Protein backbone atom coordinates (compact mmCIF):
# COMPACT_ATOMS: atom_id res chain seq x y z
CA MET A 1 144.87 109.93 110.60
CA SER A 2 141.28 111.18 110.69
CA ARG A 3 138.81 109.72 108.25
CA ALA A 4 137.39 111.85 105.44
CA ILE A 5 133.73 110.94 104.93
CA VAL A 6 131.50 112.77 102.46
CA HIS A 7 127.71 112.81 102.33
CA MET A 8 126.21 113.93 99.01
CA ASP A 9 122.49 114.59 98.59
CA LEU A 10 120.66 115.66 95.43
CA ASP A 11 118.57 118.76 96.22
CA THR A 12 114.79 118.21 95.93
CA PHE A 13 115.62 115.32 93.60
CA PHE A 14 112.16 114.50 92.23
CA VAL A 15 111.34 118.17 91.67
CA SER A 16 114.70 118.82 89.99
CA CYS A 17 114.06 115.92 87.59
CA VAL A 18 110.63 117.17 86.49
CA GLN A 19 112.02 120.71 86.13
CA LEU A 20 114.68 119.35 83.78
CA GLN A 21 111.89 117.90 81.65
CA ASN A 22 109.83 121.08 81.85
CA PRO A 23 111.99 124.19 82.46
CA ARG A 24 108.84 126.31 82.78
CA LEU A 25 108.39 124.81 86.26
CA LYS A 26 111.61 126.40 87.56
CA ASN A 27 111.22 128.97 90.35
CA LEU A 28 107.59 127.90 90.84
CA PRO A 29 105.98 126.10 93.81
CA VAL A 30 106.03 122.49 92.59
CA ILE A 31 104.72 119.36 94.30
CA VAL A 32 105.62 115.87 93.07
CA GLY A 33 103.26 113.14 94.23
CA GLY A 34 100.09 111.22 93.53
CA GLY A 35 96.56 112.41 92.98
CA GLU A 36 94.37 114.50 95.24
CA ARG A 37 94.23 111.74 97.85
CA GLY A 38 97.95 110.99 97.59
CA VAL A 39 100.89 112.43 99.50
CA VAL A 40 103.77 114.80 98.74
CA ALA A 41 106.84 112.88 97.57
CA SER A 42 108.91 116.03 97.13
CA CYS A 43 108.35 119.77 96.85
CA SER A 44 110.34 122.76 95.65
CA TYR A 45 111.78 125.31 98.04
CA GLU A 46 109.20 127.78 96.74
CA ALA A 47 106.46 125.44 98.03
CA ARG A 48 108.25 124.87 101.34
CA LYS A 49 107.96 128.57 102.12
CA PHE A 50 104.22 127.95 102.51
CA GLY A 51 104.76 125.08 104.95
CA VAL A 52 104.49 122.21 102.43
CA ARG A 53 106.55 119.17 103.44
CA SER A 54 107.27 115.64 102.19
CA ALA A 55 104.76 112.94 103.25
CA MET A 56 102.05 115.59 103.75
CA PRO A 57 98.66 114.81 102.18
CA ILE A 58 98.44 116.66 98.87
CA ARG A 59 95.01 117.99 99.79
CA MET A 60 96.54 119.71 102.84
CA ALA A 61 99.52 120.94 100.79
CA LEU A 62 97.20 122.63 98.30
CA GLN A 63 95.35 124.34 101.13
CA LEU A 64 98.67 125.82 102.26
CA CYS A 65 99.83 126.64 98.73
CA PRO A 66 96.90 126.78 96.26
CA GLU A 67 99.16 128.00 93.44
CA ALA A 68 101.38 124.91 93.58
CA LYS A 69 101.77 122.81 90.43
CA VAL A 70 101.14 119.13 91.22
CA ILE A 71 103.15 116.78 89.00
CA LYS A 72 102.71 113.02 89.04
CA GLY A 73 105.94 111.15 89.80
CA ASP A 74 107.77 109.31 87.00
CA MET A 75 109.86 106.52 88.54
CA GLU A 76 111.37 105.63 85.16
CA LEU A 77 112.79 109.15 84.91
CA PHE A 78 113.94 109.22 88.53
CA ALA A 79 115.66 105.82 88.27
CA GLN A 80 117.48 106.88 85.09
CA LYS A 81 118.73 110.17 86.54
CA SER A 82 119.81 108.43 89.76
CA HIS A 83 121.75 105.91 87.69
CA GLU A 84 123.51 108.71 85.81
CA VAL A 85 124.60 110.37 89.05
CA THR A 86 125.71 107.04 90.52
CA GLN A 87 127.93 106.34 87.52
CA ILE A 88 129.66 109.73 87.77
CA ILE A 89 130.34 109.35 91.50
CA GLU A 90 131.48 105.72 91.26
CA GLU A 91 133.87 106.40 88.38
CA ARG A 92 135.72 109.09 90.33
CA SER A 93 135.55 107.97 93.97
CA PRO A 94 137.44 105.15 95.73
CA VAL A 95 134.62 103.90 98.03
CA VAL A 96 130.94 104.74 97.47
CA GLU A 97 127.81 103.72 99.35
CA LYS A 98 124.45 104.52 97.77
CA ALA A 99 122.19 105.18 100.75
CA SER A 100 119.04 105.88 98.72
CA ILE A 101 117.91 106.97 95.26
CA ASP A 102 119.31 110.47 95.86
CA GLU A 103 122.04 110.28 98.51
CA PHE A 104 125.55 108.84 98.74
CA TYR A 105 128.40 108.37 101.21
CA LEU A 106 132.03 108.52 100.06
CA ASP A 107 135.17 107.51 101.95
CA ILE A 108 138.04 109.57 100.53
CA THR A 109 140.43 109.15 103.46
CA GLY A 110 144.03 109.88 102.46
CA MET A 111 143.14 111.89 99.37
CA ASP A 112 144.30 115.11 101.07
CA ARG A 113 147.90 113.95 100.57
CA PHE A 114 147.55 114.17 96.80
CA TYR A 115 144.68 116.45 95.91
CA GLY A 116 142.75 117.82 98.87
CA CYS A 117 139.57 116.19 100.12
CA TYR A 118 137.42 119.30 100.02
CA LYS A 119 138.68 120.35 96.59
CA PHE A 120 138.03 116.86 95.21
CA THR A 121 134.47 116.76 96.61
CA ASN A 122 133.65 120.26 95.41
CA GLU A 123 134.77 119.48 91.86
CA LEU A 124 132.87 116.17 91.92
CA ALA A 125 129.67 117.99 92.90
CA LYS A 126 130.20 120.50 90.09
CA SER A 127 130.67 117.61 87.64
CA VAL A 128 127.41 115.99 88.74
CA THR A 129 125.48 119.21 88.16
CA LYS A 130 127.20 119.97 84.85
CA GLU A 131 126.70 116.47 83.38
CA THR A 132 123.19 115.75 84.69
CA GLY A 133 121.68 119.18 85.31
CA LEU A 134 120.82 118.20 88.89
CA PRO A 135 121.81 120.38 91.87
CA ILE A 136 123.61 118.55 94.68
CA SER A 137 124.72 119.41 98.21
CA PHE A 138 127.55 117.84 100.17
CA ALA A 139 129.35 117.94 103.49
CA LEU A 140 132.78 116.64 104.47
CA SER A 141 133.68 115.50 107.98
CA THR A 142 135.16 112.57 109.88
CA ASN A 143 132.08 110.28 109.96
CA LYS A 144 128.74 109.56 108.33
CA THR A 145 126.52 111.08 111.03
CA VAL A 146 128.17 114.48 111.12
CA SER A 147 128.43 114.65 107.32
CA LYS A 148 124.74 113.82 106.87
CA ILE A 149 123.61 116.40 109.42
CA ALA A 150 125.90 119.01 107.87
CA THR A 151 124.50 118.35 104.39
CA GLY A 152 121.00 119.06 105.66
CA GLU A 153 122.16 122.27 107.32
CA GLY A 154 123.89 123.46 104.15
CA LYS A 155 120.99 122.91 101.73
CA PRO A 156 120.29 124.02 99.12
CA ARG A 157 123.56 123.59 97.23
CA GLY A 158 125.57 123.61 100.42
CA ASN A 159 129.20 122.57 100.60
CA LEU A 160 130.20 122.47 104.27
CA GLN A 161 133.37 121.10 105.82
CA ILE A 162 133.31 120.20 109.53
CA PRO A 163 136.82 119.35 110.80
CA GLU A 164 137.17 117.21 113.91
CA SER A 165 137.85 120.20 116.17
CA MET A 166 134.57 121.85 115.11
CA ILE A 167 132.24 118.86 115.41
CA ARG A 168 130.89 119.61 118.90
CA PRO A 169 130.52 123.39 118.32
CA PHE A 170 128.65 122.59 115.09
CA LEU A 171 126.32 119.96 116.61
CA ASN A 172 125.61 121.48 120.04
CA PRO A 173 123.01 124.17 119.14
CA LEU A 174 121.06 121.95 116.73
CA SER A 175 117.77 120.25 117.58
CA ILE A 176 117.89 116.56 118.43
CA ARG A 177 115.54 116.09 115.45
CA LYS A 178 118.60 116.52 113.25
CA ILE A 179 120.17 113.28 114.52
CA PRO A 180 119.57 110.34 112.13
CA GLY A 181 117.60 107.66 113.96
CA ILE A 182 115.52 109.94 116.20
CA GLY A 183 111.91 109.44 115.23
CA GLU A 184 108.80 111.19 116.47
CA GLN A 185 108.38 108.91 119.49
CA SER A 186 112.02 109.26 120.60
CA PHE A 187 111.79 113.04 120.17
CA LYS A 188 108.69 113.19 122.39
CA SER A 189 110.29 111.00 125.06
CA LEU A 190 113.47 113.10 125.15
CA SER A 191 111.54 116.39 125.08
CA GLN A 192 109.51 115.33 128.11
CA ILE A 193 112.70 115.21 130.20
CA GLY A 194 113.99 118.50 128.83
CA ILE A 195 116.36 117.19 126.15
CA ARG A 196 115.78 119.22 123.01
CA SER A 197 119.22 120.23 121.76
CA ILE A 198 122.05 117.94 120.72
CA GLU A 199 124.18 119.52 123.47
CA ASN A 200 121.62 118.46 126.10
CA LEU A 201 121.72 114.90 124.77
CA ALA A 202 125.51 114.79 124.55
CA GLU A 203 125.82 115.79 128.24
CA MET A 204 123.50 113.03 129.49
CA PRO A 205 125.19 110.06 131.22
CA GLN A 206 125.64 107.10 128.90
CA THR A 207 124.12 104.75 131.47
CA TYR A 208 120.96 106.86 131.68
CA MET A 209 120.48 106.87 127.91
CA GLN A 210 121.11 103.13 127.70
CA GLY A 211 118.65 102.47 130.53
CA MET A 212 115.99 104.63 128.87
CA PHE A 213 116.33 103.48 125.26
CA GLY A 214 118.47 100.33 125.45
CA LYS A 215 121.16 99.82 122.82
CA ASN A 216 119.63 102.54 120.65
CA GLY A 217 120.05 105.04 123.50
CA LEU A 218 123.80 104.49 123.54
CA GLU A 219 123.94 104.96 119.77
CA LEU A 220 122.03 108.23 120.02
CA TRP A 221 124.43 109.45 122.74
CA LYS A 222 127.41 108.63 120.53
CA LYS A 223 125.91 110.47 117.56
CA ALA A 224 125.19 113.51 119.74
CA ASN A 225 128.87 113.50 120.67
CA GLY A 226 129.93 113.21 117.02
CA ILE A 227 131.05 109.58 117.41
CA ASP A 228 130.27 107.24 114.51
CA ASN A 229 132.67 104.50 113.45
CA ASN A 230 130.34 102.92 110.89
CA PRO A 231 132.22 102.29 107.64
CA VAL A 232 131.15 103.39 104.18
CA GLN A 233 129.84 100.17 102.65
CA PRO A 234 130.82 99.70 98.98
CA TYR A 235 127.75 100.09 96.79
CA ARG A 236 126.33 96.92 95.25
CA GLU A 237 123.00 97.12 93.48
CA ARG A 238 120.63 94.25 94.13
CA LYS A 239 119.42 92.80 90.84
CA SER A 240 116.32 90.96 92.02
CA ILE A 241 114.48 89.39 94.94
CA SER A 242 112.77 86.03 94.62
CA THR A 243 111.38 82.95 96.31
CA GLU A 244 110.32 79.45 95.27
CA HIS A 245 108.23 76.67 96.77
CA THR A 246 108.43 72.97 95.91
CA PHE A 247 105.34 70.96 96.88
CA LEU A 248 105.82 67.75 98.87
CA GLN A 249 103.35 66.18 96.46
CA ASP A 250 102.60 67.41 92.96
CA THR A 251 99.28 69.24 93.09
CA ILE A 252 96.44 70.31 90.88
CA ASP A 253 94.64 72.17 93.69
CA ILE A 254 94.67 75.59 92.01
CA ALA A 255 93.00 77.37 94.93
CA SER A 256 95.80 76.26 97.26
CA VAL A 257 98.46 77.22 94.71
CA LYS A 258 96.99 80.72 94.40
CA SER A 259 96.77 81.01 98.18
CA LEU A 260 100.45 80.09 98.39
CA LEU A 261 101.33 82.66 95.72
CA VAL A 262 99.55 85.38 97.71
CA HIS A 263 101.58 84.44 100.79
CA MET A 264 104.85 84.42 98.80
CA VAL A 265 104.17 87.84 97.27
CA GLU A 266 103.14 89.31 100.62
CA LYS A 267 106.41 88.18 102.19
CA LEU A 268 108.54 89.45 99.29
CA ALA A 269 106.72 92.79 99.27
CA TYR A 270 107.39 93.22 102.99
CA GLN A 271 111.08 92.55 102.34
CA LEU A 272 111.06 95.07 99.50
CA ARG A 273 109.66 97.75 101.79
CA GLN A 274 112.11 96.97 104.57
CA GLU A 275 115.08 97.19 102.19
CA GLN A 276 113.50 100.15 100.33
CA TRP A 277 113.28 98.65 96.86
CA LEU A 278 110.69 99.14 94.13
CA PRO A 279 110.48 96.51 91.36
CA SER A 280 109.44 97.17 87.76
CA VAL A 281 109.34 93.56 86.49
CA VAL A 282 107.46 90.60 87.94
CA THR A 283 108.25 87.02 86.86
CA LEU A 284 106.26 83.88 87.64
CA LYS A 285 107.70 80.39 87.15
CA ILE A 286 105.80 77.08 87.08
CA ARG A 287 107.45 73.67 87.07
CA TYR A 288 105.18 70.79 86.18
CA ALA A 289 105.26 67.19 87.39
CA ASN A 290 107.25 66.15 84.29
CA PHE A 291 109.89 68.81 85.20
CA ASP A 292 108.97 71.11 82.29
CA THR A 293 109.52 74.67 83.50
CA GLU A 294 107.74 77.71 82.09
CA PRO A 295 108.43 81.32 83.16
CA LYS A 296 106.44 84.41 82.24
CA GLN A 297 107.23 88.02 83.10
CA PHE A 298 105.46 91.34 82.91
CA LYS A 299 106.58 94.98 83.10
CA ILE A 300 104.77 96.86 85.87
CA PRO A 301 104.73 100.37 87.38
CA TYR A 302 107.17 100.71 90.30
CA THR A 303 105.51 99.60 93.54
CA SER A 304 106.08 97.51 96.65
CA CYS A 305 102.41 97.19 97.63
CA ASP A 306 101.11 93.68 98.29
CA HIS A 307 97.70 94.29 96.79
CA VAL A 308 99.17 95.54 93.49
CA LEU A 309 101.86 92.88 93.15
CA ILE A 310 99.44 90.08 94.05
CA LYS A 311 97.14 91.19 91.24
CA TYR A 312 99.95 90.93 88.67
CA VAL A 313 101.23 87.57 89.93
CA LEU A 314 97.79 85.94 89.93
CA SER A 315 97.12 87.34 86.46
CA LEU A 316 100.41 85.84 85.24
CA PHE A 317 99.44 82.50 86.75
CA ASP A 318 96.09 82.47 84.95
CA LYS A 319 97.85 83.20 81.64
CA LEU A 320 100.70 80.75 82.20
CA TYR A 321 98.89 77.74 83.64
CA GLN A 322 97.28 76.20 80.56
CA ARG A 323 98.39 72.56 80.61
CA ARG A 324 96.07 71.32 83.38
CA MET A 325 98.95 69.17 84.63
CA ARG A 326 100.03 68.71 88.23
CA ILE A 327 102.37 71.40 89.53
CA ARG A 328 105.66 70.56 91.21
CA LEU A 329 107.04 74.07 91.92
CA VAL A 330 106.08 77.74 91.75
CA GLY A 331 108.44 80.70 91.96
CA VAL A 332 108.07 84.48 92.06
CA ARG A 333 110.80 87.01 91.24
CA PHE A 334 110.76 90.80 91.33
CA SER A 335 113.48 92.58 89.33
CA GLY A 336 114.27 95.92 87.72
CA LEU A 337 114.74 97.31 91.22
CA VAL A 338 115.35 100.93 92.13
CA ARG A 339 116.10 102.38 95.56
CA GLY A 340 113.90 104.84 97.38
CA THR A 341 113.47 106.32 100.83
CA TYR A 342 109.73 105.73 100.98
CA GLN A 343 108.00 102.50 101.87
CA ILE A 344 105.40 102.22 99.14
CA ASN A 345 104.55 103.86 95.85
CA ILE A 346 103.65 107.37 97.00
CA PHE A 347 102.92 108.38 93.43
CA GLU A 348 100.00 105.97 93.12
CA ASP A 349 98.65 105.18 96.59
CA THR A 350 96.31 107.12 98.81
CA VAL A 351 97.05 108.47 102.28
CA GLU A 352 94.78 105.79 103.73
CA MET A 353 96.60 102.99 101.92
CA MET A 354 100.00 104.30 103.01
CA ALA A 355 98.83 104.50 106.61
CA LEU A 356 97.54 100.92 106.42
CA TYR A 357 100.84 99.53 105.12
CA GLN A 358 102.91 101.53 107.59
CA ALA A 359 100.78 100.31 110.50
CA MET A 360 101.01 96.69 109.36
CA ASP A 361 104.76 96.89 108.82
CA LYS A 362 105.19 98.27 112.35
CA ILE A 363 103.29 95.25 113.70
CA LYS A 364 105.41 92.88 111.61
CA ASN A 365 108.62 94.58 112.70
CA ARG A 366 107.68 94.21 116.36
CA PHE A 367 105.99 90.80 116.46
CA GLY A 368 107.29 89.06 113.33
CA PHE A 369 106.01 88.70 109.77
CA ASP A 370 103.25 86.21 110.65
CA ALA A 371 101.71 88.48 113.30
CA VAL A 372 99.39 89.94 110.67
CA THR A 373 98.81 88.46 107.20
CA ARG A 374 96.19 88.24 104.49
CA CYS A 375 93.46 85.66 104.83
CA ALA A 376 93.87 85.01 101.10
CA GLY A 377 97.47 83.96 101.78
CA THR A 378 96.78 81.41 104.50
CA ILE A 379 97.52 77.87 103.45
CA LEU A 380 95.21 76.30 106.05
CA LYS A 381 91.67 76.07 104.82
CA THR A 382 89.36 78.08 107.06
CA LYS A 383 85.79 79.23 106.98
CA GLN A 384 86.83 82.55 108.51
CA ALA A 385 88.01 83.91 105.18
CA LYS A 386 85.52 86.26 103.51
CA PRO A 387 85.24 87.35 99.91
CA GLU A 388 87.86 89.93 98.97
CA GLU A 389 85.27 92.40 97.71
CA GLU A 390 83.99 92.87 101.28
CA ASN A 391 87.16 94.84 102.08
CA PRO A 392 86.69 98.49 101.08
CA LEU A 393 90.47 98.83 100.60
CA LYS A 394 90.41 95.96 98.07
CA GLY A 395 93.53 94.49 99.63
CA GLY A 396 92.17 91.33 101.22
CA LEU A 397 91.38 90.79 104.88
CA TYR A 398 93.98 90.76 107.65
CA TYR A 399 94.09 88.88 110.92
CA LYS A 400 96.48 88.64 113.85
CA ASN A 401 97.75 85.22 114.87
CA MET A 402 97.16 84.67 118.58
């Protein structure tokens, strides 16, 4: 029996949310993002006609579409609407995986015996729109890759069904850019050897693809051939992410404690970005030498940027540490998490700051977390560290361990 895998994706999710709040924005070119130096988080189809795209600098987007209305993102609103959609889908579907803040995978294998897989999915999509006001597209096929590609091809408000016999005819004429997992570098490498369509890629020998791209090359070949056995993972929302450090000897060296806190936050923030989480609550915990433990938390705007989170944690420490006693343990926890497909807070941060974090994360991904870190977070005392204000990005100085 063939699997029945559904991919559901909310159409222009951020834009649809702000249009719900302000109906006068409907049918207008709308850009959701940060300020003039920020980037486009989402844009309406009316704006896309002018060439505006997600992750584009807003300044460039406004040059392409001067009439566009720029709306600052509201993560509280987006998280709430995403939660509403998640509840509707989970209540009515047997197995659900929430892939991001606005997309879902469903495994409804076997439902055709009782109800009809396509009919069930179509009515579920209608329920989501009716109960939340948000438009949603979906595609039904035998695996996650084909369903995701088909959803993109059917937008906006698409509702495609790709049976097993039609997978190759559907995929063959499409660009290899449509395959999940093919980034800009992979696209350039494949284009240089004449592989631009999915059909070209599917006809390449497996051994050649594996030799060129390693294990990832074999996965790309499988996806081009419509092969994807990855299961739909039941959705479980992470509640928080945290870390603690117990000192070997109780300390009153506040400079070292703050340096440690910077390092802890930097590591947690990197994990947040890798797992695509944004926290809204930061909690600091101090345990003194007499084992008294005091926590303090603070509500913050959604972000996964080191320099922002460090500021809040150090501020909490200054407010919490009042006893002047030796410290036995410190702990940091980020909670109130929401999912997103972007790495950092694109509603607040500049293009330059985003580029900096993306570059650093690439280095960490390739060489390990400690390949590049903040001088302020190094535990070893060194004269190389310079005052933070000397960095024009106000994020501390970075160095690469050799």
